[in-house]
Amino acid sequence: MKVGFIGTGVMGHAIVLRLMNAGHELFVYNRTKNKTDDLVAEGATWKDTPKEITDASDIVFYYGRLPSRCGTGIL
């Protein structure tokens, strides 16, 4: 399954690793790009915007404090 993650903080990061280990294709976006470097090194694909995450994914998880930071992409 193609899974997108918007926000890869402590919780999102751990879930991304588990899903990759289970064989899923992961797409990641975080406001601070370098916080996803190790996930990309492990096989996740970086996307430049939340919109790119939603376009590429079968399902999207949002891990962040305020949904307004993603704008209408979350809808």
N, C-alpha and C. Protein backbone atom coordinates (compact mmCIF):
# COMPACT_ATOMS: atom_id res chain seq x y z
N MET A 1 0.85 -1.17 0.00
CA MET A 1 0.00 0.00 0.00
C MET A 1 0.89 1.24 0.00
N LYS A 2 0.46 2.28 -0.68
CA LYS A 2 1.17 3.55 -0.72
C LYS A 2 0.64 4.41 0.42
N VAL A 3 1.52 4.72 1.37
CA VAL A 3 1.11 5.42 2.59
C VAL A 3 1.86 6.75 2.68
N GLY A 4 1.12 7.83 2.91
CA GLY A 4 1.73 9.14 3.06
C GLY A 4 1.69 9.61 4.50
N PHE A 5 2.76 10.29 4.91
CA PHE A 5 2.83 10.87 6.25
C PHE A 5 3.17 12.34 6.14
N ILE A 6 2.30 13.17 6.68
CA ILE A 6 2.54 14.60 6.80
C ILE A 6 2.84 14.83 8.27
N GLY A 7 4.09 15.11 8.56
CA GLY A 7 4.54 15.25 9.94
C GLY A 7 5.21 13.97 10.40
N THR A 8 6.49 14.08 10.66
CA THR A 8 7.25 12.89 11.07
C THR A 8 7.97 13.15 12.39
N GLY A 9 7.20 13.60 13.36
CA GLY A 9 7.75 13.79 14.70
C GLY A 9 8.01 12.44 15.35
N VAL A 10 8.06 12.41 16.65
CA VAL A 10 8.38 11.18 17.37
C VAL A 10 7.43 10.05 17.00
N MET A 11 6.14 10.30 17.05
CA MET A 11 5.17 9.24 16.76
C MET A 11 5.15 8.88 15.28
N GLY A 12 5.07 9.88 14.42
CA GLY A 12 5.03 9.62 12.98
C GLY A 12 6.27 8.90 12.49
N HIS A 13 7.42 9.29 13.00
CA HIS A 13 8.70 8.68 12.63
C HIS A 13 8.69 7.19 12.93
N ALA A 14 8.28 6.83 14.12
CA ALA A 14 8.27 5.42 14.52
C ALA A 14 7.29 4.61 13.67
N ILE A 15 6.15 5.17 13.36
CA ILE A 15 5.16 4.46 12.55
C ILE A 15 5.65 4.28 11.11
N VAL A 16 6.29 5.31 10.56
CA VAL A 16 6.84 5.20 9.21
C VAL A 16 7.83 4.04 9.14
N LEU A 17 8.73 3.95 10.11
CA LEU A 17 9.71 2.86 10.11
C LEU A 17 9.03 1.49 10.16
N ARG A 18 8.04 1.36 11.01
CA ARG A 18 7.33 0.07 11.13
C ARG A 18 6.62 -0.30 9.83
N LEU A 19 5.97 0.68 9.21
CA LEU A 19 5.25 0.40 7.97
C LEU A 19 6.21 0.06 6.83
N MET A 20 7.37 0.71 6.78
CA MET A 20 8.36 0.36 5.77
C MET A 20 8.86 -1.06 5.99
N ASN A 21 9.11 -1.41 7.24
CA ASN A 21 9.56 -2.77 7.55
C ASN A 21 8.51 -3.82 7.20
N ALA A 22 7.25 -3.42 7.17
CA ALA A 22 6.16 -4.33 6.81
C ALA A 22 5.96 -4.40 5.29
N GLY A 23 6.76 -3.63 4.53
CA GLY A 23 6.71 -3.72 3.08
C GLY A 23 5.89 -2.68 2.36
N HIS A 24 5.40 -1.67 3.07
CA HIS A 24 4.60 -0.63 2.43
C HIS A 24 5.51 0.44 1.81
N GLU A 25 5.00 1.10 0.79
CA GLU A 25 5.71 2.20 0.16
C GLU A 25 5.32 3.49 0.89
N LEU A 26 6.31 4.21 1.41
CA LEU A 26 6.05 5.39 2.24
C LEU A 26 6.49 6.67 1.57
N PHE A 27 5.64 7.69 1.70
CA PHE A 27 5.93 9.05 1.24
C PHE A 27 5.90 9.95 2.46
N VAL A 28 6.89 10.82 2.59
CA VAL A 28 6.98 11.65 3.79
C VAL A 28 7.11 13.12 3.45
N TYR A 29 6.52 13.95 4.31
CA TYR A 29 6.67 15.40 4.25
C TYR A 29 6.73 15.90 5.69
N ASN A 30 7.62 16.83 5.92
CA ASN A 30 7.73 17.47 7.22
C ASN A 30 8.16 18.91 6.97
N ARG A 31 7.69 19.84 7.78
CA ARG A 31 8.08 21.24 7.61
C ARG A 31 9.59 21.41 7.67
N THR A 32 10.25 20.62 8.50
CA THR A 32 11.71 20.64 8.58
C THR A 32 12.22 19.41 7.85
N LYS A 33 12.65 19.60 6.61
CA LYS A 33 12.99 18.48 5.73
C LYS A 33 14.06 17.56 6.32
N ASN A 34 15.08 18.13 6.96
CA ASN A 34 16.18 17.28 7.44
C ASN A 34 15.76 16.29 8.52
N LYS A 35 14.59 16.48 9.10
CA LYS A 35 14.09 15.52 10.09
C LYS A 35 13.59 14.23 9.44
N THR A 36 13.54 14.22 8.11
CA THR A 36 13.14 13.00 7.39
C THR A 36 14.32 12.32 6.71
N ASP A 37 15.51 12.87 6.85
CA ASP A 37 16.68 12.32 6.14
C ASP A 37 16.90 10.84 6.41
N ASP A 38 16.80 10.42 7.66
CA ASP A 38 17.04 9.00 7.95
C ASP A 38 15.93 8.13 7.39
N LEU A 39 14.70 8.64 7.34
CA LEU A 39 13.59 7.87 6.76
C LEU A 39 13.80 7.68 5.26
N VAL A 40 14.25 8.73 4.60
CA VAL A 40 14.54 8.65 3.16
C VAL A 40 15.70 7.68 2.93
N ALA A 41 16.71 7.73 3.79
CA ALA A 41 17.84 6.80 3.67
C ALA A 41 17.39 5.35 3.84
N GLU A 42 16.33 5.14 4.61
CA GLU A 42 15.80 3.78 4.83
C GLU A 42 14.84 3.34 3.73
N GLY A 43 14.46 4.27 2.82
CA GLY A 43 13.61 3.88 1.70
C GLY A 43 12.34 4.67 1.50
N ALA A 44 12.02 5.59 2.40
CA ALA A 44 10.84 6.45 2.20
C ALA A 44 11.14 7.45 1.08
N THR A 45 10.10 7.97 0.47
CA THR A 45 10.25 8.96 -0.59
C THR A 45 9.81 10.32 -0.08
N TRP A 46 10.69 11.31 -0.19
CA TRP A 46 10.38 12.68 0.21
C TRP A 46 9.47 13.31 -0.83
N LYS A 47 8.47 14.05 -0.37
CA LYS A 47 7.61 14.86 -1.23
C LYS A 47 7.71 16.30 -0.75
N ASP A 48 7.71 17.25 -1.69
CA ASP A 48 7.93 18.65 -1.36
C ASP A 48 6.74 19.37 -0.74
N THR A 49 5.54 18.85 -0.91
CA THR A 49 4.34 19.52 -0.37
C THR A 49 3.34 18.48 0.14
N PRO A 50 2.46 18.88 1.04
CA PRO A 50 1.39 17.98 1.46
C PRO A 50 0.52 17.53 0.28
N LYS A 51 0.32 18.40 -0.71
CA LYS A 51 -0.45 18.04 -1.90
C LYS A 51 0.20 16.88 -2.64
N GLU A 52 1.51 16.88 -2.75
CA GLU A 52 2.21 15.78 -3.41
C GLU A 52 2.02 14.47 -2.63
N ILE A 53 1.95 14.58 -1.31
CA ILE A 53 1.70 13.39 -0.48
C ILE A 53 0.31 12.82 -0.80
N THR A 54 -0.70 13.68 -0.82
CA THR A 54 -2.06 13.20 -1.07
C THR A 54 -2.21 12.63 -2.47
N ASP A 55 -1.53 13.21 -3.44
CA ASP A 55 -1.62 12.72 -4.82
C ASP A 55 -0.97 11.34 -4.98
N ALA A 56 0.09 11.06 -4.24
CA ALA A 56 0.86 9.83 -4.41
C ALA A 56 0.35 8.67 -3.55
N SER A 57 -0.48 8.95 -2.55
CA SER A 57 -0.79 7.96 -1.52
C SER A 57 -2.20 7.39 -1.63
N ASP A 58 -2.33 6.14 -1.19
CA ASP A 58 -3.65 5.51 -1.04
C ASP A 58 -4.32 5.98 0.25
N ILE A 59 -3.50 6.24 1.26
CA ILE A 59 -3.98 6.70 2.57
C ILE A 59 -2.95 7.68 3.11
N VAL A 60 -3.42 8.70 3.84
CA VAL A 60 -2.53 9.72 4.38
C VAL A 60 -2.76 9.87 5.87
N PHE A 61 -1.68 9.94 6.62
CA PHE A 61 -1.72 10.21 8.06
C PHE A 61 -1.13 11.59 8.30
N TYR A 62 -1.79 12.37 9.15
CA TYR A 62 -1.29 13.69 9.52
C TYR A 62 -0.93 13.67 10.99
N TYR A 63 0.33 13.96 11.29
CA TYR A 63 0.78 14.05 12.67
C TYR A 63 1.35 15.45 12.88
N GLY A 64 0.51 16.33 13.39
CA GLY A 64 0.93 17.70 13.63
C GLY A 64 0.03 18.34 14.67
N ARG A 65 0.44 19.49 15.12
CA ARG A 65 -0.32 20.17 16.17
C ARG A 65 -1.57 20.85 15.63
N LEU A 66 -1.43 21.55 14.52
CA LEU A 66 -2.55 22.34 14.01
C LEU A 66 -2.83 21.98 12.56
N PRO A 67 -3.99 21.40 12.27
CA PRO A 67 -4.30 21.06 10.88
C PRO A 67 -4.23 22.26 9.93
N SER A 68 -4.42 23.47 10.44
CA SER A 68 -4.38 24.64 9.57
C SER A 68 -3.03 24.81 8.90
N ARG A 69 -1.99 24.20 9.44
CA ARG A 69 -0.67 24.30 8.81
C ARG A 69 -0.63 23.58 7.47
N CYS A 70 -1.55 22.66 7.25
CA CYS A 70 -1.61 21.95 5.98
C CYS A 70 -2.58 22.61 5.01
N GLY A 71 -3.34 23.55 5.45
CA GLY A 71 -4.30 24.21 4.59
C GLY A 71 -5.38 23.25 4.13
N THR A 72 -5.89 23.48 2.94
CA THR A 72 -6.98 22.65 2.45
C THR A 72 -6.51 21.29 1.93
N GLY A 73 -5.22 21.06 1.87
CA GLY A 73 -4.71 19.76 1.42
C GLY A 73 -5.21 18.62 2.27
N ILE A 74 -5.58 18.90 3.50
CA ILE A 74 -6.05 17.85 4.40
C ILE A 74 -7.48 17.44 4.08
N LEU A 75 -8.21 18.31 3.42
CA LEU A 75 -9.59 18.00 3.05
C LEU A 75 -9.59 17.09 1.86
